[in-house]
Amino acid sequence: MLFGKEFTKIQVQTAGAEINLIHGGSGRPLLLLHGYPQTHVMWHKVAPYLAQHFHVIFPDLRGYGDSSKPASRPDHSPYSKRAMAQDMVEVMDFFGYDEFFVAGHDRGARVAHRLVLDHPEKIKKACVMDIAPTHHMFKTTDQNFATGYYHWFFLIQPNGLPEHMIGCDPAYFLTKKLGQWSAPEAVFADEAIAEYLRCFSNPETIHASCEDYRAAASIDLEHDETDMAKQIQCPLLVLWGAKGFVHRTYDVLNVWREHASQVEGRALDSGHFLPEEAPMAVCEELIQFYADN
């Protein structure tokens, strides 16, 4: 059992989606957002420790896991980070929280970035894990980035091409991604892998996750360009994997300092999947960061 009896599973209806989540613990509210191609399950190693300090809320982003998969549109707006961030505001409203902490990994970190821009009055502190800002990454694309992040350009292809190719063998694609992005010594729990495979094998999930990336390459960039003058006002913690890709291509802290006024962070001894590869280090960083508030 990945999450103990102290965690409760519920569904929360937002204006645009039904969000599946688990929550538990007590204390100040902490929203944790997963990345691609995973679900809220990616937080299972950190959950019991963080629940000793916070009321932790682990949703599946719209389009992922057991959350609903809204029909998309030509502009991909239902899968914009703005729409996903609005889901999270409504989830936290459901629990009665006007203000909260947020931490996100990968795609979830991009949702967290949009949260602090669109809803600065709600976010007290934020953490982003193993990303540079989407706009910066697209606008500075070179061969190194395009090779390491080829999936960004594959998943945005139109007319169902990536959906068909992934759908032919979703287990192969998912396990290759987990292996490619993690450190060689990384060990994923069998039960977690089984859950990722269950969810990712759904053709609706494959399509929705492609729409997430299509939105990132279109409407999300429009939103980012409109907000280029906005600075993240809350304290920002930036974590990345020392054995991952992002820091080899970007000066991660300095890039984020162009977008936020209060930035701190460091590399952890892991590949891309920090909460599963270095769970205790992640817990220590989050507990310390959110403690002095």
Protein backbone atom coordinates (compact mmCIF):
# COMPACT_ATOMS: atom_id res chain seq x y z
CA MET A 1 0.00 0.00 0.00
CA LEU A 2 1.65 3.22 -1.21
CA PHE A 3 -0.26 5.60 1.07
CA GLY A 4 -1.25 4.71 4.60
CA LYS A 5 -4.66 4.86 6.24
CA GLU A 6 -4.00 8.42 7.35
CA PHE A 7 -4.60 9.55 3.77
CA THR A 8 -8.08 9.96 2.29
CA LYS A 9 -8.98 9.73 -1.40
CA ILE A 10 -11.68 12.04 -2.76
CA GLN A 11 -12.78 13.75 -5.97
CA VAL A 12 -13.31 17.51 -6.15
CA GLN A 13 -15.41 19.07 -8.90
CA THR A 14 -13.96 22.29 -10.29
CA ALA A 15 -15.48 24.51 -12.96
CA GLY A 16 -13.53 22.68 -15.65
CA ALA A 17 -12.68 19.19 -14.40
CA GLU A 18 -13.14 16.56 -11.74
CA ILE A 19 -9.90 16.33 -9.78
CA ASN A 20 -8.89 13.09 -8.10
CA LEU A 21 -6.71 13.55 -5.04
CA ILE A 22 -5.56 12.18 -1.72
CA HIS A 23 -4.90 14.26 1.37
CA GLY A 24 -3.80 13.80 4.94
CA GLY A 25 -1.91 15.22 7.86
CA SER A 26 -2.55 18.43 9.74
CA GLY A 27 -1.05 21.88 9.88
CA ARG A 28 -0.52 24.47 7.22
CA PRO A 29 -1.74 23.50 3.73
CA LEU A 30 0.80 22.20 1.20
CA LEU A 31 -0.27 21.42 -2.36
CA LEU A 32 2.01 18.98 -4.23
CA LEU A 33 1.78 18.72 -8.04
CA HIS A 34 3.15 15.80 -10.05
CA GLY A 35 4.83 15.67 -13.44
CA TYR A 36 4.76 13.69 -16.69
CA PRO A 37 4.11 10.81 -17.23
CA GLN A 38 3.09 10.19 -13.64
CA THR A 39 0.29 10.82 -11.15
CA HIS A 40 -0.02 11.92 -7.52
CA VAL A 41 1.54 8.55 -6.65
CA MET A 42 5.00 10.00 -7.35
CA TRP A 43 4.84 11.64 -3.89
CA HIS A 44 4.34 8.35 -2.00
CA LYS A 45 7.84 8.29 -0.46
CA VAL A 46 7.61 11.82 0.95
CA ALA A 47 3.93 11.73 1.97
CA PRO A 48 4.23 10.20 5.48
CA TYR A 49 6.99 12.61 6.51
CA LEU A 50 5.42 15.76 5.13
CA ALA A 51 2.06 14.82 6.70
CA GLN A 52 3.71 15.16 10.11
CA HIS A 53 4.18 18.89 9.41
CA PHE A 54 1.47 19.92 6.94
CA HIS A 55 -1.97 19.16 5.64
CA VAL A 56 -0.71 17.73 2.36
CA ILE A 57 -2.92 17.57 -0.73
CA PHE A 58 -1.82 15.44 -3.69
CA PRO A 59 -4.04 15.86 -6.79
CA ASP A 60 -3.87 14.32 -10.23
CA LEU A 61 -3.67 17.20 -12.70
CA ARG A 62 -6.53 17.35 -15.17
CA GLY A 63 -5.83 14.87 -17.96
CA TYR A 64 -3.69 12.64 -15.74
CA GLY A 65 -4.30 9.77 -13.35
CA ASP A 66 -7.94 9.42 -12.34
CA SER A 67 -8.81 13.08 -12.85
CA SER A 68 -11.16 13.85 -15.74
CA LYS A 69 -9.94 14.46 -19.28
CA PRO A 70 -11.87 17.49 -20.60
CA ALA A 71 -12.40 17.76 -24.34
CA SER A 72 -9.77 19.99 -25.87
CA ARG A 73 -10.11 22.88 -28.33
CA PRO A 74 -8.08 24.07 -31.31
CA ASP A 75 -6.18 26.52 -29.10
CA HIS A 76 -5.53 23.77 -26.49
CA SER A 77 -6.80 26.11 -23.76
CA PRO A 78 -8.41 23.37 -21.61
CA TYR A 79 -4.86 22.07 -21.02
CA SER A 80 -3.20 25.43 -20.50
CA LYS A 81 -1.30 25.86 -17.26
CA ARG A 82 -3.75 28.67 -16.50
CA ALA A 83 -6.66 26.20 -16.58
CA MET A 84 -4.73 23.66 -14.52
CA ALA A 85 -3.78 26.34 -11.98
CA GLN A 86 -7.41 27.42 -11.69
CA ASP A 87 -8.33 23.79 -10.87
CA MET A 88 -5.86 23.89 -8.01
CA VAL A 89 -7.21 27.15 -6.63
CA GLU A 90 -10.67 25.61 -6.59
CA VAL A 91 -9.36 22.43 -4.96
CA MET A 92 -7.81 24.49 -2.18
CA ASP A 93 -11.02 26.55 -1.88
CA PHE A 94 -12.84 23.24 -1.34
CA PHE A 95 -10.67 22.67 1.73
CA GLY A 96 -11.26 26.23 2.90
CA TYR A 97 -7.76 27.56 2.20
CA ASP A 98 -7.35 31.11 0.94
CA GLU A 99 -3.56 30.85 1.20
CA PHE A 100 -1.27 27.85 0.85
CA PHE A 101 2.18 26.54 0.00
CA VAL A 102 2.79 24.79 -3.31
CA ALA A 103 5.53 22.52 -4.65
CA GLY A 104 5.57 21.06 -8.14
CA HIS A 105 7.72 18.67 -10.11
CA ASP A 106 8.10 18.76 -13.90
CA ARG A 107 4.67 19.61 -15.41
CA GLY A 108 3.38 20.29 -11.92
CA ALA A 109 6.15 22.84 -11.45
CA ARG A 110 4.93 24.63 -14.57
CA VAL A 111 1.44 24.72 -13.08
CA ALA A 112 2.97 26.08 -9.87
CA HIS A 113 4.74 28.79 -11.89
CA ARG A 114 1.41 29.84 -13.40
CA LEU A 115 -0.23 29.73 -9.96
CA VAL A 116 2.18 32.27 -8.52
CA LEU A 117 1.64 34.57 -11.51
CA ASP A 118 -2.15 34.32 -11.73
CA HIS A 119 -2.91 34.02 -8.00
CA PRO A 120 -0.07 35.71 -6.09
CA GLU A 121 -2.35 36.55 -3.18
CA LYS A 122 -2.90 32.83 -2.52
CA ILE A 123 0.63 31.44 -2.67
CA LYS A 124 2.78 32.04 0.42
CA LYS A 125 5.83 30.15 -0.83
CA ALA A 126 6.51 27.98 -3.88
CA CYS A 127 8.97 25.27 -4.89
CA VAL A 128 9.73 24.15 -8.45
CA MET A 129 11.63 20.93 -9.09
CA ASP A 130 13.90 20.19 -12.04
CA ILE A 131 12.67 22.76 -14.53
CA ALA A 132 13.62 26.05 -16.07
CA PRO A 133 10.74 28.34 -17.16
CA THR A 134 8.89 27.07 -20.22
CA HIS A 135 9.25 30.31 -22.19
CA HIS A 136 12.99 30.44 -21.55
CA MET A 137 13.47 26.83 -22.65
CA PHE A 138 11.58 27.25 -25.92
CA LYS A 139 13.18 30.58 -26.77
CA THR A 140 16.73 29.32 -26.16
CA THR A 141 16.30 25.96 -27.92
CA ASP A 142 19.48 24.50 -29.31
CA GLN A 143 20.59 21.04 -30.39
CA ASN A 144 21.44 20.00 -26.84
CA PHE A 145 18.00 20.91 -25.52
CA ALA A 146 16.17 19.47 -28.53
CA THR A 147 18.03 16.17 -28.12
CA GLY A 148 17.50 15.85 -24.39
CA TYR A 149 13.91 17.06 -24.49
CA TYR A 150 12.91 15.59 -27.85
CA HIS A 151 9.57 14.54 -26.35
CA TRP A 152 8.54 18.21 -26.15
CA PHE A 153 8.64 18.36 -29.95
CA PHE A 154 7.25 14.86 -30.49
CA LEU A 155 4.21 15.25 -28.23
CA ILE A 156 3.09 18.52 -29.84
CA GLN A 157 2.75 16.99 -33.30
CA PRO A 158 -0.82 17.23 -34.65
CA ASN A 159 -3.37 14.81 -36.08
CA GLY A 160 -3.00 12.12 -33.45
CA LEU A 161 0.52 11.11 -34.48
CA PRO A 162 2.08 10.85 -31.00
CA GLU A 163 -1.14 9.39 -29.58
CA HIS A 164 -1.05 6.57 -32.13
CA MET A 165 2.64 5.84 -31.72
CA ILE A 166 2.57 5.85 -27.90
CA GLY A 167 -0.71 3.93 -27.90
CA CYS A 168 0.89 1.05 -29.77
CA ASP A 169 2.95 0.25 -26.66
CA PRO A 170 2.35 2.69 -23.78
CA ALA A 171 4.20 0.50 -21.27
CA TYR A 172 7.34 0.61 -23.41
CA PHE A 173 7.16 4.38 -23.79
CA LEU A 174 6.52 5.04 -20.11
CA THR A 175 9.22 2.74 -18.77
CA LYS A 176 11.74 4.13 -21.27
CA LYS A 177 10.96 7.65 -20.09
CA LEU A 178 11.35 6.72 -16.42
CA GLY A 179 14.64 5.01 -17.15
CA GLN A 180 16.00 7.73 -19.43
CA TRP A 181 15.34 10.58 -17.00
CA SER A 182 16.37 8.91 -13.73
CA ALA A 183 19.83 8.19 -12.38
CA PRO A 184 21.17 4.69 -13.22
CA GLU A 185 20.83 3.55 -9.60
CA ALA A 186 17.26 4.81 -9.19
CA VAL A 187 14.71 2.32 -7.88
CA PHE A 188 10.99 2.88 -8.42
CA ALA A 189 8.46 1.00 -6.31
CA ASP A 190 6.76 -1.81 -8.25
CA GLU A 191 3.36 -0.65 -7.01
CA ALA A 192 4.04 2.88 -8.22
CA ILE A 193 5.11 1.65 -11.66
CA ALA A 194 1.96 -0.47 -11.89
CA GLU A 195 -0.16 2.59 -11.07
CA TYR A 196 1.59 4.75 -13.65
CA LEU A 197 1.07 2.04 -16.26
CA ARG A 198 -2.60 1.63 -15.37
CA CYS A 199 -3.29 5.32 -15.84
CA PHE A 200 -0.98 5.95 -18.80
CA SER A 201 -2.40 2.99 -20.74
CA ASN A 202 -5.71 4.85 -21.05
CA PRO A 203 -5.90 6.39 -24.57
CA GLU A 204 -7.66 9.41 -23.08
CA THR A 205 -4.69 10.02 -20.79
CA ILE A 206 -2.23 9.73 -23.67
CA HIS A 207 -4.24 12.28 -25.66
CA ALA A 208 -4.68 14.64 -22.70
CA SER A 209 -0.97 14.55 -21.89
CA CYS A 210 -0.16 15.42 -25.52
CA GLU A 211 -2.60 18.32 -25.22
CA ASP A 212 -0.72 19.47 -22.12
CA TYR A 213 2.46 19.74 -24.21
CA ARG A 214 0.63 21.29 -27.17
CA ALA A 215 -0.70 23.95 -24.82
CA ALA A 216 2.84 24.55 -23.53
CA ALA A 217 4.02 25.24 -27.08
CA SER A 218 1.16 27.61 -27.93
CA ILE A 219 -1.28 29.24 -25.52
CA ASP A 220 1.04 28.92 -22.52
CA LEU A 221 3.72 30.87 -24.41
CA GLU A 222 1.16 33.57 -25.18
CA HIS A 223 0.31 33.83 -21.49
CA ASP A 224 4.01 33.88 -20.57
CA GLU A 225 4.81 36.61 -23.08
CA THR A 226 1.95 38.74 -21.76
CA ASP A 227 3.33 38.32 -18.23
CA MET A 228 7.03 38.79 -18.98
CA ALA A 229 7.14 41.90 -16.82
CA LYS A 230 5.61 40.11 -13.83
CA GLN A 231 7.95 38.96 -11.10
CA ILE A 232 7.18 36.10 -8.74
CA GLN A 233 6.60 37.87 -5.45
CA CYS A 234 6.65 35.00 -2.97
CA PRO A 235 9.84 33.20 -1.86
CA LEU A 236 10.82 30.55 -4.42
CA LEU A 237 12.79 27.36 -3.78
CA VAL A 238 14.39 25.76 -6.84
CA LEU A 239 15.59 22.15 -6.66
CA TRP A 240 17.09 20.05 -9.41
CA GLY A 241 18.78 16.69 -9.91
CA ALA A 242 22.58 16.75 -9.97
CA LYS A 243 22.45 13.68 -12.24
CA GLY A 244 19.71 15.10 -14.45
CA PHE A 245 19.62 17.18 -17.61
CA VAL A 246 18.36 20.65 -16.70
CA HIS A 247 21.42 21.95 -14.89
CA ARG A 248 23.70 20.80 -17.73
CA THR A 249 21.89 23.14 -20.10
CA TYR A 250 20.85 26.05 -17.87
CA ASP A 251 22.26 28.02 -14.97
CA VAL A 252 19.09 27.11 -13.12
CA LEU A 253 19.21 29.55 -10.21
CA ASN A 254 20.21 32.53 -12.35
CA VAL A 255 17.48 31.82 -14.89
CA TRP A 256 14.87 31.77 -12.13
CA ARG A 257 16.33 34.97 -10.64
CA GLU A 258 15.27 36.69 -13.85
CA HIS A 259 11.66 35.80 -12.94
CA ALA A 260 11.55 36.06 -9.15
CA SER A 261 12.84 38.44 -6.51
CA GLN A 262 13.51 35.89 -3.74
CA VAL A 263 15.17 32.71 -5.01
CA GLU A 264 17.17 30.00 -3.28
CA GLY A 265 17.94 26.41 -4.17
CA ARG A 266 20.42 23.66 -4.88
CA ALA A 267 21.01 20.36 -6.64
CA LEU A 268 20.05 17.08 -4.98
CA ASP A 269 21.77 13.75 -5.47
CA SER A 270 19.31 12.34 -7.99
CA GLY A 271 18.16 12.27 -11.56
CA HIS A 272 14.97 13.96 -12.72
CA PHE A 273 12.53 12.28 -10.31
CA LEU A 274 13.62 13.97 -7.08
CA PRO A 275 10.73 12.85 -4.80
CA GLU A 276 11.31 9.18 -5.68
CA GLU A 277 15.10 9.21 -6.05
CA ALA A 278 15.96 11.47 -3.10
CA PRO A 279 12.82 11.55 -0.93
CA MET A 280 14.46 12.39 2.40
CA ALA A 281 16.45 15.24 0.89
CA VAL A 282 13.26 16.59 -0.67
CA CYS A 283 11.47 16.37 2.69
CA GLU A 284 14.28 18.17 4.47
CA GLU A 285 14.34 20.95 1.90
CA LEU A 286 10.58 21.46 1.93
CA ILE A 287 10.20 21.30 5.71
CA GLN A 288 13.00 23.81 6.23
CA PHE A 289 11.82 26.13 3.45
CA TYR A 290 8.20 26.27 4.57
CA ALA A 291 9.02 26.30 8.31
CA ASP A 292 10.25 29.87 8.66
CA ASN A 293 7.11 31.61 7.54
